[in-house]
Amino acid sequence: MLAGIDLVHVPYRGVAPALIDLLGGQVQVCFIPMSIATEHIRSGNLRPLAVTAATRSAVLPDLPTLGDLVPGYEASGFYGLGAPRNTPTDTIDRLK
């Protein structure tokens, strides 16, 4: 909405099928994790447009942020690690 473009959300069951369709030309744009996209970018199979975080990535420092192109835009991911309630304390301590 901030960019004034109309995109259609296509739900996928994971990033792998979305990436296959992106590489195969079935979809034109996709938000995928940098960790998955980097090798495809370096090999020339994907053309990156921007990162969604507020700051540029150390992995691809020449890649602008989406906020550089669309002022006010920022999105970043969150990953959490969970364990069952009765997980032993020593296991939890090792995961910290």
C-alpha atoms as a PDB file:
ATOM      1  CA  MET A   1       0.000   0.000   0.000  1.00  0.00           C
ATOM      2  CA  LEU A   2       2.850   2.399   0.820  1.00  0.00           C
ATOM      3  CA  ALA A   3       4.317   1.884  -2.668  1.00  0.00           C
ATOM      4  CA  GLY A   4       0.980   2.294  -4.406  1.00  0.00           C
ATOM      5  CA  ILE A   5       1.248  -1.035  -6.199  1.00  0.00           C
ATOM      6  CA  ASP A   6      -1.277  -3.828  -6.284  1.00  0.00           C
ATOM      7  CA  LEU A   7       0.076  -7.254  -5.355  1.00  0.00           C
ATOM      8  CA  VAL A   8      -1.876 -10.475  -5.085  1.00  0.00           C
ATOM      9  CA  HIS A   9      -0.978 -12.622  -2.077  1.00  0.00           C
ATOM     10  CA  VAL A  10      -0.438 -16.243  -3.065  1.00  0.00           C
ATOM     11  CA  PRO A  11      -0.303 -18.468   0.024  1.00  0.00           C
ATOM     12  CA  TYR A  12       2.226 -21.308  -0.039  1.00  0.00           C
ATOM     13  CA  ARG A  13       2.881 -24.191   2.320  1.00  0.00           C
ATOM     14  CA  GLY A  14       6.408 -23.085   3.061  1.00  0.00           C
ATOM     15  CA  VAL A  15       9.190 -21.184   1.377  1.00  0.00           C
ATOM     16  CA  ALA A  16      10.422 -24.127  -0.765  1.00  0.00           C
ATOM     17  CA  PRO A  17       7.372 -24.262  -3.066  1.00  0.00           C
ATOM     18  CA  ALA A  18       7.303 -20.461  -3.246  1.00  0.00           C
ATOM     19  CA  LEU A  19      10.970 -20.368  -4.224  1.00  0.00           C
ATOM     20  CA  ILE A  20      10.426 -23.028  -6.897  1.00  0.00           C
ATOM     21  CA  ASP A  21       7.623 -20.951  -8.417  1.00  0.00           C
ATOM     22  CA  LEU A  22       9.701 -17.771  -8.188  1.00  0.00           C
ATOM     23  CA  LEU A  23      12.697 -19.403  -9.901  1.00  0.00           C
ATOM     24  CA  GLY A  24      10.361 -20.965 -12.465  1.00  0.00           C
ATOM     25  CA  GLY A  25       8.665 -17.676 -13.308  1.00  0.00           C
ATOM     26  CA  GLN A  26       5.243 -18.662 -11.950  1.00  0.00           C
ATOM     27  CA  VAL A  27       5.295 -15.665  -9.572  1.00  0.00           C
ATOM     28  CA  GLN A  28       7.042 -12.352 -10.165  1.00  0.00           C
ATOM     29  CA  VAL A  29       7.968 -11.321  -6.640  1.00  0.00           C
ATOM     30  CA  CYS A  30       8.346 -13.067  -3.312  1.00  0.00           C
ATOM     31  CA  PHE A  31       9.391 -12.175   0.212  1.00  0.00           C
ATOM     32  CA  ILE A  32      11.805 -14.940   1.253  1.00  0.00           C
ATOM     33  CA  PRO A  33      14.417 -15.199   3.995  1.00  0.00           C
ATOM     34  CA  MET A  34      17.873 -13.875   3.145  1.00  0.00           C
ATOM     35  CA  SER A  35      19.429 -17.146   4.285  1.00  0.00           C
ATOM     36  CA  ILE A  36      17.562 -18.974   1.528  1.00  0.00           C
ATOM     37  CA  ALA A  37      17.839 -16.324  -1.189  1.00  0.00           C
ATOM     38  CA  THR A  38      21.552 -15.465  -0.930  1.00  0.00           C
ATOM     39  CA  GLU A  39      22.989 -18.354  -2.946  1.00  0.00           C
ATOM     40  CA  HIS A  40      20.344 -17.923  -5.648  1.00  0.00           C
ATOM     41  CA  ILE A  41      21.189 -14.218  -5.778  1.00  0.00           C
ATOM     42  CA  ARG A  42      24.933 -14.874  -5.993  1.00  0.00           C
ATOM     43  CA  SER A  43      24.418 -17.463  -8.741  1.00  0.00           C
ATOM     44  CA  GLY A  44      22.383 -14.971 -10.768  1.00  0.00           C
ATOM     45  CA  ASN A  45      19.138 -16.956 -10.583  1.00  0.00           C
ATOM     46  CA  LEU A  46      17.362 -14.291  -8.495  1.00  0.00           C
ATOM     47  CA  ARG A  47      17.489 -10.528  -8.763  1.00  0.00           C
ATOM     48  CA  PRO A  48      17.125  -8.946  -5.349  1.00  0.00           C
ATOM     49  CA  LEU A  49      15.174  -5.736  -5.065  1.00  0.00           C
ATOM     50  CA  ALA A  50      15.652  -4.801  -1.407  1.00  0.00           C
ATOM     51  CA  VAL A  51      15.794  -6.099   2.148  1.00  0.00           C
ATOM     52  CA  THR A  52      12.791  -5.436   4.371  1.00  0.00           C
ATOM     53  CA  ALA A  53      14.744  -4.690   7.553  1.00  0.00           C
ATOM     54  CA  ALA A  54      15.467  -1.129   8.662  1.00  0.00           C
ATOM     55  CA  THR A  55      19.189  -1.495   7.922  1.00  0.00           C
ATOM     56  CA  ARG A  56      21.138  -2.981   5.038  1.00  0.00           C
ATOM     57  CA  SER A  57      22.341  -6.542   5.291  1.00  0.00           C
ATOM     58  CA  ALA A  58      25.989  -7.282   5.998  1.00  0.00           C
ATOM     59  CA  VAL A  59      25.644 -10.242   3.621  1.00  0.00           C
ATOM     60  CA  LEU A  60      24.579  -8.061   0.663  1.00  0.00           C
ATOM     61  CA  PRO A  61      25.596  -4.522   1.687  1.00  0.00           C
ATOM     62  CA  ASP A  62      24.910  -2.977  -1.741  1.00  0.00           C
ATOM     63  CA  LEU A  63      21.276  -4.056  -1.595  1.00  0.00           C
ATOM     64  CA  PRO A  64      19.053  -1.159  -0.470  1.00  0.00           C
ATOM     65  CA  THR A  65      16.427  -1.435   2.208  1.00  0.00           C
ATOM     66  CA  LEU A  66      12.823  -1.293   1.093  1.00  0.00           C
ATOM     67  CA  GLY A  67      12.576   1.800   3.303  1.00  0.00           C
ATOM     68  CA  ASP A  68      15.159   3.475   1.020  1.00  0.00           C
ATOM     69  CA  LEU A  69      12.772   2.934  -1.890  1.00  0.00           C
ATOM     70  CA  VAL A  70       9.448   3.275  -0.041  1.00  0.00           C
ATOM     71  CA  PRO A  71       9.836   5.734   2.852  1.00  0.00           C
ATOM     72  CA  GLY A  72       8.314   4.442   6.078  1.00  0.00           C
ATOM     73  CA  TYR A  73       8.481   0.755   5.184  1.00  0.00           C
ATOM     74  CA  GLU A  74      10.048  -1.734   7.564  1.00  0.00           C
ATOM     75  CA  ALA A  75       9.365  -5.385   8.274  1.00  0.00           C
ATOM     76  CA  SER A  76      11.554  -7.824  10.084  1.00  0.00           C
ATOM     77  CA  GLY A  77      11.127 -11.431  11.035  1.00  0.00           C
ATOM     78  CA  PHE A  78      11.065 -13.004  14.444  1.00  0.00           C
ATOM     79  CA  TYR A  79      12.096 -16.532  15.205  1.00  0.00           C
ATOM     80  CA  GLY A  80      11.505 -18.087  18.585  1.00  0.00           C
ATOM     81  CA  LEU A  81      12.547 -21.371  20.077  1.00  0.00           C
ATOM     82  CA  GLY A  82      10.071 -23.267  22.199  1.00  0.00           C
ATOM     83  CA  ALA A  83      10.222 -26.432  24.225  1.00  0.00           C
ATOM     84  CA  PRO A  84       7.610 -28.579  25.963  1.00  0.00           C
ATOM     85  CA  ARG A  85       6.650 -27.551  29.494  1.00  0.00           C
ATOM     86  CA  ASN A  86       8.466 -30.448  31.188  1.00  0.00           C
ATOM     87  CA  THR A  87      11.783 -30.073  29.363  1.00  0.00           C
ATOM     88  CA  PRO A  88      14.642 -30.615  31.833  1.00  0.00           C
ATOM     89  CA  THR A  89      16.290 -27.430  33.124  1.00  0.00           C
ATOM     90  CA  ASP A  90      19.769 -28.519  31.974  1.00  0.00           C
ATOM     91  CA  THR A  91      18.428 -28.868  28.409  1.00  0.00           C
ATOM     92  CA  ILE A  92      16.861 -25.412  28.573  1.00  0.00           C
ATOM     93  CA  ASP A  93      20.120 -23.950  29.934  1.00  0.00           C
ATOM     94  CA  ARG A  94      22.066 -25.415  26.984  1.00  0.00           C
ATOM     95  CA  LEU A  95      19.641 -23.837  24.530  1.00  0.00           C
ATOM     96  CA  LYS A  96      20.013 -20.329  25.993  1.00  0.00           C
END
